[in-house]
């Protein structure tokens, strides 16, 4: 990063901090400062440490949200708990990494909202309702937050635990209150874990009230205005009622990250803390193949915590992540060879961690290096098991 880039980042963060501070939203100030402490850890460590200390010494219980003054947030009549969370200025801890197909779908949503006149001239409306599909931890909620930030709209997240009233007869009313409120605001609304309330109506295991809840949801989606953006996320699309499927104009699939995406993600999370982040990212991308971003993040944070407590240097903690014997043999061979070729560990240590014979490691490492030298710039594709 050049000095000019660093200056631009600092200016942007300072302006955002000033803008939020002037509104009096103390908790949002905490969020911005926490993000700045992470971003500048590797550039200005003294500043990052000072900000972290201030945040720990001065916690705030103030609401992080700016409520709509004219319309109170809907609450459950039994518990009096708010039925959703509102993020007026969505903030991401780090920039998301989207595969090309996913990025294209999300950019289409943004382009439709930024250039509605082109659609109007063609007699079309922008996409109103979008369904996010994919396993847990692949970035569905982060994508909703990213869309809201890019569109400069508040993000409303439905709290399904609150909507499901202890008196099931009130659940439909709770859902209506949430969507009626969201329709009055130029916002992005996320219905998280949609399968919890939109199950198939031919499921004989569900009681009548939950089936009626699906009907309420269908009616509300049909009435959703074209000016708003309704998102829904599910980990179990097979449980959804077919009529719910038809109400969402765009279905966006969130796959498990590929190796390049994992490499980018790990590098972004490690480069402020160790100079060998590029090499470790290459190795860990092999080890974490088939894992979600949230799983990988959890492993990296645990390693950093152990290193911070003085258990062992971070590099040793990361090496410990490679000792998973459940990794298939073909991938463990790739992993061992990558460790050696990146110069992170010796063949003996790679053998101890992965269980791969040293002769096998030596042969694969030599083969990989030969192919890399013969075909520069091309990544060797190998099927993983």
Protein backbone atom coordinates (compact mmCIF):
# COMPACT_ATOMS: atom_id res chain seq x y z
CA UNK A 1 0.00 0.00 0.00
CA UNK A 2 1.43 3.41 -1.03
CA UNK A 3 1.62 6.43 1.22
CA UNK A 4 -1.10 8.05 -0.90
CA UNK A 5 -3.38 5.02 -0.38
CA UNK A 6 -2.77 5.13 3.38
CA UNK A 7 -3.59 8.84 3.42
CA UNK A 8 -6.82 8.22 1.50
CA UNK A 9 -7.88 5.46 3.92
CA UNK A 10 -7.19 7.66 6.95
CA UNK A 11 -9.13 10.56 5.44
CA UNK A 12 -12.11 8.33 4.62
CA UNK A 13 -12.18 6.77 8.09
CA UNK A 14 -11.85 10.13 9.81
CA UNK A 15 -14.68 11.65 7.79
CA UNK A 16 -16.93 8.66 8.50
CA UNK A 17 -16.10 8.87 12.20
CA UNK A 18 -16.89 12.59 12.27
CA UNK A 19 -20.16 12.09 10.38
CA UNK A 20 -21.37 9.39 12.78
CA UNK A 21 -20.13 11.21 15.90
CA UNK A 22 -22.11 14.33 14.96
CA UNK A 23 -25.32 12.29 14.94
CA UNK A 24 -24.71 11.24 18.54
CA UNK A 25 -24.72 7.50 17.83
CA UNK A 26 -22.08 6.47 20.37
CA UNK A 27 -22.20 2.77 19.68
CA UNK A 28 -21.64 3.33 15.95
CA UNK A 29 -18.55 5.35 16.87
CA UNK A 30 -17.30 2.29 18.76
CA UNK A 31 -17.79 0.13 15.67
CA UNK A 32 -15.80 2.53 13.45
CA UNK A 33 -12.98 2.80 15.99
CA UNK A 34 -12.82 -0.98 16.36
CA UNK A 35 -12.51 -1.38 12.60
CA UNK A 36 -9.80 1.32 12.46
CA UNK A 37 -7.80 -0.45 15.17
CA UNK A 38 -7.79 -3.62 13.05
CA UNK A 39 -6.96 -1.83 9.80
CA UNK A 40 -4.01 0.16 11.15
CA UNK A 41 -2.52 -2.57 13.34
CA UNK A 42 0.23 -3.27 10.82
CA UNK A 43 0.73 0.38 9.78
CA UNK A 44 0.54 2.38 13.02
CA UNK A 45 0.61 -0.22 15.82
CA UNK A 46 0.79 2.40 18.58
CA UNK A 47 -2.42 4.03 17.34
CA UNK A 48 -4.16 0.66 17.01
CA UNK A 49 -3.17 -0.30 20.56
CA UNK A 50 -4.31 3.05 21.95
CA UNK A 51 -7.69 2.77 20.23
CA UNK A 52 -8.15 -0.79 21.52
CA UNK A 53 -7.34 0.34 25.05
CA UNK A 54 -9.82 3.23 24.86
CA UNK A 55 -12.57 0.92 23.62
CA UNK A 56 -12.03 -1.49 26.51
CA UNK A 57 -11.89 1.32 29.07
CA UNK A 58 -14.98 3.13 27.82
CA UNK A 59 -17.74 0.63 26.95
CA UNK A 60 -21.10 2.02 25.97
CA UNK A 61 -24.54 0.56 26.50
CA UNK A 62 -26.12 3.17 24.27
CA UNK A 63 -28.24 1.97 21.41
CA UNK A 64 -26.14 1.52 18.26
CA UNK A 65 -29.10 2.38 16.10
CA UNK A 66 -30.78 5.57 14.99
CA UNK A 67 -34.48 4.92 15.30
CA UNK A 68 -36.99 6.41 12.93
CA UNK A 69 -38.37 9.35 14.88
CA UNK A 70 -41.78 9.30 13.22
CA UNK A 71 -42.48 5.55 13.46
CA UNK A 72 -41.50 3.47 16.50
CA UNK A 73 -39.80 0.14 15.90
CA UNK A 74 -42.32 -2.73 16.11
CA UNK A 75 -42.14 -4.82 19.30
CA UNK A 76 -43.57 -8.16 20.39
CA UNK A 77 -46.67 -7.53 22.52
CA UNK A 78 -45.73 -10.29 24.98
CA UNK A 79 -42.04 -9.66 25.62
CA UNK A 80 -41.88 -5.99 24.48
CA UNK A 81 -38.67 -6.92 22.65
CA UNK A 82 -37.92 -5.23 19.34
CA UNK A 83 -38.70 -7.53 16.45
CA UNK A 84 -35.68 -6.59 14.32
CA UNK A 85 -32.26 -4.97 14.31
CA UNK A 86 -31.61 -1.79 12.37
CA UNK A 87 -28.18 -0.84 11.04
CA UNK A 88 -28.45 2.68 9.69
CA UNK A 89 -24.87 2.72 8.41
CA UNK A 90 -23.87 -0.91 7.80
CA UNK A 91 -20.18 -1.51 8.55
CA UNK A 92 -18.16 -4.57 7.55
CA UNK A 93 -15.16 -5.83 9.51
CA UNK A 94 -13.52 -6.67 6.19
CA UNK A 95 -14.40 -6.56 2.53
CA UNK A 96 -16.24 -9.70 1.40
CA UNK A 97 -14.78 -12.06 -1.20
CA UNK A 98 -17.32 -13.14 -3.80
CA UNK A 99 -16.79 -15.71 -6.55
CA UNK A 100 -17.34 -14.28 -10.07
CA UNK A 101 -20.88 -15.59 -10.56
CA UNK A 102 -22.01 -14.38 -7.15
CA UNK A 103 -20.36 -10.98 -7.62
CA UNK A 104 -22.15 -10.60 -10.96
CA UNK A 105 -25.57 -11.26 -9.39
CA UNK A 106 -24.97 -8.78 -6.57
CA UNK A 107 -23.69 -6.10 -8.94
CA UNK A 108 -26.83 -6.53 -11.04
CA UNK A 109 -28.93 -5.68 -7.98
CA UNK A 110 -26.87 -2.56 -7.38
CA UNK A 111 -26.95 -1.45 -11.02
CA UNK A 112 -30.74 -1.80 -11.12
CA UNK A 113 -31.06 0.48 -8.08
CA UNK A 114 -28.53 3.01 -9.33
CA UNK A 115 -30.05 3.27 -12.81
CA UNK A 116 -33.80 2.76 -12.42
CA UNK A 117 -34.61 5.03 -15.38
CA UNK A 118 -33.18 2.48 -17.81
CA UNK A 119 -35.59 -0.11 -16.44
CA UNK A 120 -38.52 2.28 -16.41
CA UNK A 121 -37.95 3.12 -20.10
CA UNK A 122 -38.15 -0.63 -20.81
CA UNK A 123 -41.34 -0.99 -18.74
CA UNK A 124 -39.56 -2.86 -15.95
CA UNK A 125 -39.15 -2.51 -12.20
CA UNK A 126 -35.96 -3.30 -10.30
CA UNK A 127 -35.77 -6.67 -8.58
CA UNK A 128 -37.82 -6.46 -5.39
CA UNK A 129 -37.21 -9.80 -3.67
CA UNK A 130 -33.98 -11.84 -3.68
CA UNK A 131 -33.39 -15.26 -2.09
CA UNK A 132 -29.89 -16.12 -0.83
CA UNK A 133 -29.16 -19.86 -0.82
CA UNK A 134 -26.17 -21.63 0.69
CA UNK A 135 -24.67 -23.43 3.67
CA UNK A 136 -23.94 -21.58 6.93
CA UNK A 137 -20.93 -19.29 7.10
CA UNK A 138 -20.49 -18.51 3.39
CA UNK A 139 -21.35 -14.80 3.62
CA UNK A 140 -25.10 -14.42 3.08
CA UNK A 141 -25.61 -11.94 5.91
CA UNK A 142 -22.38 -10.12 5.02
CA UNK A 143 -23.61 -9.81 1.43
CA UNK A 144 -26.84 -8.21 2.68
CA UNK A 145 -24.79 -5.77 4.75
CA UNK A 146 -22.54 -5.06 1.75
CA UNK A 147 -25.53 -4.38 -0.52
CA UNK A 148 -27.06 -1.99 2.01
CA UNK A 149 -23.75 -0.16 2.37
CA UNK A 150 -23.24 0.13 -1.39
CA UNK A 151 -26.81 1.38 -1.87
CA UNK A 152 -26.41 3.78 1.11
CA UNK A 153 -29.55 2.42 2.78
CA UNK A 154 -30.19 1.19 6.31
CA UNK A 155 -30.26 -2.58 6.81
CA UNK A 156 -33.14 -4.10 8.77
CA UNK A 157 -32.61 -7.67 9.96
CA UNK A 158 -35.62 -9.66 11.10
CA UNK A 159 -35.10 -11.37 14.47
CA UNK A 160 -36.99 -14.62 13.93
CA UNK A 161 -36.63 -15.62 17.59
CA UNK A 162 -38.58 -12.50 18.54
CA UNK A 163 -41.13 -12.83 15.76
CA UNK A 164 -42.06 -16.36 16.86
CA UNK A 165 -44.29 -15.35 19.73
CA UNK A 166 -44.97 -17.67 22.65
CA UNK A 167 -48.58 -17.30 21.55
CA UNK A 168 -48.48 -18.63 17.99
CA UNK A 169 -51.59 -16.69 17.04
CA UNK A 170 -49.61 -13.48 17.37
CA UNK A 171 -46.72 -14.60 15.16
CA UNK A 172 -48.50 -13.61 11.96
CA UNK A 173 -49.20 -10.20 13.47
CA UNK A 174 -45.56 -9.80 14.42
CA UNK A 175 -44.51 -10.57 10.86
CA UNK A 176 -47.01 -8.09 9.43
CA UNK A 177 -45.78 -5.37 11.80
CA UNK A 178 -42.18 -5.89 10.69
CA UNK A 179 -42.86 -5.80 6.96
CA UNK A 180 -45.38 -2.95 7.22
CA UNK A 181 -42.75 -0.93 9.09
CA UNK A 182 -40.05 -1.78 6.53
CA UNK A 183 -42.31 -0.70 3.66
CA UNK A 184 -42.37 2.84 5.05
CA UNK A 185 -38.57 3.17 4.89
CA UNK A 186 -36.16 3.27 1.95
CA UNK A 187 -34.22 0.27 3.24
CA UNK A 188 -32.86 -3.22 2.69
CA UNK A 189 -34.76 -5.83 4.73
CA UNK A 190 -33.17 -9.22 5.45
CA UNK A 191 -35.29 -12.17 6.55
CA UNK A 192 -32.65 -14.48 7.97
CA UNK A 193 -33.16 -18.25 8.27
CA UNK A 194 -36.29 -18.04 6.17
CA UNK A 195 -36.88 -21.79 6.41
CA UNK A 196 -37.82 -21.35 10.09
CA UNK A 197 -41.06 -19.59 9.13
CA UNK A 198 -41.63 -20.52 5.46
CA UNK A 199 -41.79 -24.30 5.52
CA UNK A 200 -43.74 -26.32 3.00
CA UNK A 201 -47.46 -26.29 3.74
CA UNK A 202 -47.72 -29.98 2.85
CA UNK A 203 -45.43 -30.85 5.78
CA UNK A 204 -47.77 -32.92 8.00
CA UNK A 205 -45.50 -32.33 10.98
CA UNK A 206 -46.36 -28.63 11.12
CA UNK A 207 -49.38 -27.28 12.95
CA UNK A 208 -52.00 -25.12 11.30
CA UNK A 209 -50.76 -21.82 12.68
CA UNK A 210 -47.33 -22.21 11.11
CA UNK A 211 -48.98 -23.03 7.79
CA UNK A 212 -51.04 -19.86 8.04
CA UNK A 213 -47.79 -17.99 8.69
CA UNK A 214 -46.57 -19.00 5.23
CA UNK A 215 -49.72 -17.50 3.73
CA UNK A 216 -49.10 -14.24 5.60
CA UNK A 217 -45.54 -14.14 4.30
CA UNK A 218 -46.66 -14.74 0.70
CA UNK A 219 -49.13 -11.87 0.94
CA UNK A 220 -46.53 -9.55 2.39
CA UNK A 221 -43.97 -10.36 -0.31
CA UNK A 222 -46.61 -9.75 -3.00
CA UNK A 223 -47.28 -6.32 -1.48
CA UNK A 224 -43.59 -5.40 -1.17
CA UNK A 225 -42.95 -2.06 -2.99
CA UNK A 226 -40.54 -1.87 -5.92
CA UNK A 227 -38.69 0.94 -4.16
CA UNK A 228 -37.57 -1.41 -1.38
CA UNK A 229 -35.23 -4.39 -1.47
CA UNK A 230 -36.33 -7.57 0.31
CA UNK A 231 -33.65 -10.20 0.93
CA UNK A 232 -34.14 -13.62 2.49
CA UNK A 233 -31.50 -16.18 3.44
CA UNK A 234 -31.83 -19.91 4.01
CA UNK A 235 -29.47 -22.77 4.75
CA UNK A 236 -32.15 -25.35 3.84
CA UNK A 237 -33.85 -24.40 0.56
CA UNK A 238 -35.45 -27.86 0.30
CA UNK A 239 -37.68 -26.98 3.27
CA UNK A 240 -39.20 -23.89 1.65
CA UNK A 241 -42.76 -23.84 0.42
CA UNK A 242 -42.85 -23.80 -3.43
CA UNK A 243 -45.06 -20.70 -3.39
CA UNK A 244 -42.35 -18.86 -1.42
CA UNK A 245 -39.80 -19.84 -4.08
CA UNK A 246 -41.93 -18.25 -6.80
CA UNK A 247 -42.22 -14.95 -4.93
CA UNK A 248 -38.48 -14.29 -5.11
CA UNK A 249 -37.53 -12.97 -8.52
CA UNK A 250 -33.81 -13.71 -8.15
CA UNK A 251 -32.18 -16.75 -6.53
CA UNK A 252 -28.52 -16.20 -5.62
CA UNK A 253 -26.42 -19.21 -4.65
CA UNK A 254 -23.55 -18.84 -2.17
CA UNK A 255 -21.17 -21.79 -2.69
CA UNK A 256 -18.39 -22.83 -0.37
CA UNK A 257 -15.32 -20.75 -1.24
CA UNK A 258 -12.86 -22.01 -3.81
CA UNK A 259 -9.11 -22.18 -3.21
CA UNK A 260 -8.35 -18.73 -4.66
CA UNK A 261 -11.07 -17.15 -2.53
CA UNK A 262 -9.78 -18.88 0.59
CA UNK A 263 -6.26 -17.69 -0.22
CA UNK A 264 -7.44 -14.07 -0.56
CA UNK A 265 -9.48 -14.28 2.64
CA UNK A 266 -6.66 -15.75 4.75
CA UNK A 267 -4.11 -13.29 3.37
CA UNK A 268 -6.38 -10.35 4.24
CA UNK A 269 -6.78 -11.68 7.80
CA UNK A 270 -3.08 -12.43 8.40
CA UNK A 271 -1.03 -9.81 6.56
CA UNK A 272 -1.25 -7.17 9.34
CA UNK A 273 0.28 -9.62 11.82
CA UNK A 274 3.02 -11.69 10.14
CA UNK A 275 5.44 -10.94 7.26
CA UNK A 276 4.97 -14.45 5.87
CA UNK A 277 1.22 -14.02 5.35
CA UNK A 278 1.44 -14.71 1.61
CA UNK A 279 3.16 -18.06 2.09
CA UNK A 280 0.88 -19.12 4.95
CA UNK A 281 -2.17 -18.14 2.92
CA UNK A 282 -1.06 -20.44 0.11
CA UNK A 283 -0.59 -23.35 2.51
CA UNK A 284 -3.73 -22.84 4.57
CA UNK A 285 -5.82 -22.48 1.40
CA UNK A 286 -5.01 -26.14 0.75
CA UNK A 287 -5.71 -27.20 4.33
CA UNK A 288 -9.05 -25.35 4.52
CA UNK A 289 -10.47 -26.52 1.18
CA UNK A 290 -14.17 -27.26 1.56
CA UNK A 291 -14.55 -25.07 4.66
CA UNK A 292 -16.72 -21.96 5.01
CA UNK A 293 -15.37 -18.47 5.60
CA UNK A 294 -16.78 -18.44 9.14
CA UNK A 295 -15.06 -21.76 9.96
CA UNK A 296 -11.74 -20.42 8.65
CA UNK A 297 -12.15 -17.15 10.53
CA UNK A 298 -12.79 -19.03 13.77
CA UNK A 299 -9.62 -21.10 13.35
CA UNK A 300 -7.48 -18.05 12.56
CA UNK A 301 -8.83 -16.03 15.48
CA UNK A 302 -8.20 -18.93 17.87
CA UNK A 303 -4.60 -19.17 16.64
CA UNK A 304 -4.09 -15.43 17.10
CA UNK A 305 -5.53 -15.54 20.61
CA UNK A 306 -3.18 -18.34 21.61
CA UNK A 307 -0.25 -16.42 20.15
CA UNK A 308 -1.30 -13.22 21.95
CA UNK A 309 -1.37 -15.10 25.26
CA UNK A 310 2.20 -16.22 24.67
CA UNK A 311 1.49 -19.91 24.14
CA UNK A 312 3.61 -19.95 20.97
CA UNK A 313 4.40 -17.60 18.04
CA UNK A 314 1.62 -17.17 15.52
CA UNK A 315 3.53 -19.12 12.86
CA UNK A 316 3.66 -22.14 15.18
CA UNK A 317 -0.04 -21.80 15.94
CA UNK A 318 -0.78 -21.77 12.20
CA UNK A 319 1.41 -24.83 11.70
CA UNK A 320 -0.73 -26.61 14.27
CA UNK A 321 -3.77 -26.07 12.04
CA UNK A 322 -2.17 -28.32 9.42
CA UNK A 323 -2.14 -31.43 11.62
CA UNK A 324 -5.74 -32.42 10.85
CA UNK A 325 -5.53 -36.12 9.98
CA UNK A 326 -9.10 -36.11 8.64
CA UNK A 327 -7.84 -34.38 5.50
CA UNK A 328 -7.88 -36.82 2.55
CA UNK A 329 -4.52 -38.34 1.64
CA UNK A 330 -4.26 -36.73 -1.80
CA UNK A 331 -4.82 -33.29 -0.30
CA UNK A 332 -2.37 -33.96 2.54
CA UNK A 333 0.29 -34.69 -0.08
CA UNK A 334 -0.50 -31.38 -1.80
CA UNK A 335 -0.40 -29.67 1.57
CA UNK A 336 2.97 -31.14 2.56
CA UNK A 337 4.52 -30.22 -0.79
CA UNK A 338 3.18 -26.66 -0.57
CA UNK A 339 4.60 -26.26 2.94
CA UNK A 340 8.07 -27.27 1.72
CA UNK A 341 7.98 -25.25 -1.52
CA UNK A 342 6.86 -22.12 0.36
CA UNK A 343 9.88 -22.55 2.64
CA UNK A 344 7.77 -22.52 5.78
CA UNK A 345 8.83 -25.85 7.27
CA UNK A 346 11.34 -28.60 6.63
CA UNK A 347 10.43 -31.91 5.03
CA UNK A 348 10.77 -33.58 8.41
CA UNK A 349 8.35 -31.13 10.07
CA UNK A 350 5.92 -31.38 7.13
CA UNK A 351 6.01 -35.16 7.55
CA UNK A 352 5.28 -34.89 11.28
CA UNK A 353 2.32 -32.57 10.70
CA UNK A 354 0.70 -34.32 7.74
CA UNK A 355 1.81 -37.94 8.13
CA UNK A 356 3.01 -37.99 4.51
CA UNK A 357 6.25 -39.90 3.91
CA UNK A 358 9.29 -37.70 3.32
CA UNK A 359 10.10 -39.43 0.03
CA UNK A 360 6.59 -38.66 -1.20
CA UNK A 361 6.88 -35.04 -0.07
CA UNK A 362 10.25 -34.69 -1.80
CA UNK A 363 8.96 -36.16 -5.06
CA UNK A 364 5.79 -34.06 -5.13
CA UNK A 365 7.62 -30.86 -4.14
CA UNK A 366 10.15 -31.41 -6.95
CA UNK A 367 7.37 -32.14 -9.44
CA UNK A 368 5.41 -29.03 -8.46
CA UNK A 369 8.45 -26.78 -8.65
CA UNK A 370 9.33 -28.21 -12.07
CA UNK A 371 5.85 -27.54 -13.40
CA UNK A 372 5.84 -24.05 -11.92
CA UNK A 373 9.13 -23.21 -13.63
CA UNK A 374 8.03 -24.77 -16.93
CA UNK A 375 4.66 -22.97 -16.97
CA UNK A 376 5.07 -19.66 -15.11
CA UNK A 377 1.92 -17.87 -14.08
CA UNK A 378 -0.28 -20.98 -14.29
CA UNK A 379 -1.62 -22.50 -11.13
CA UNK A 380 -1.40 -26.28 -11.07
CA UNK A 381 -4.91 -27.68 -10.89
CA UNK A 382 -5.25 -30.86 -8.88
CA UNK A 383 -8.41 -32.67 -7.95
CA UNK A 384 -9.02 -32.69 -4.19
CA UNK A 385 -10.75 -35.50 -2.40
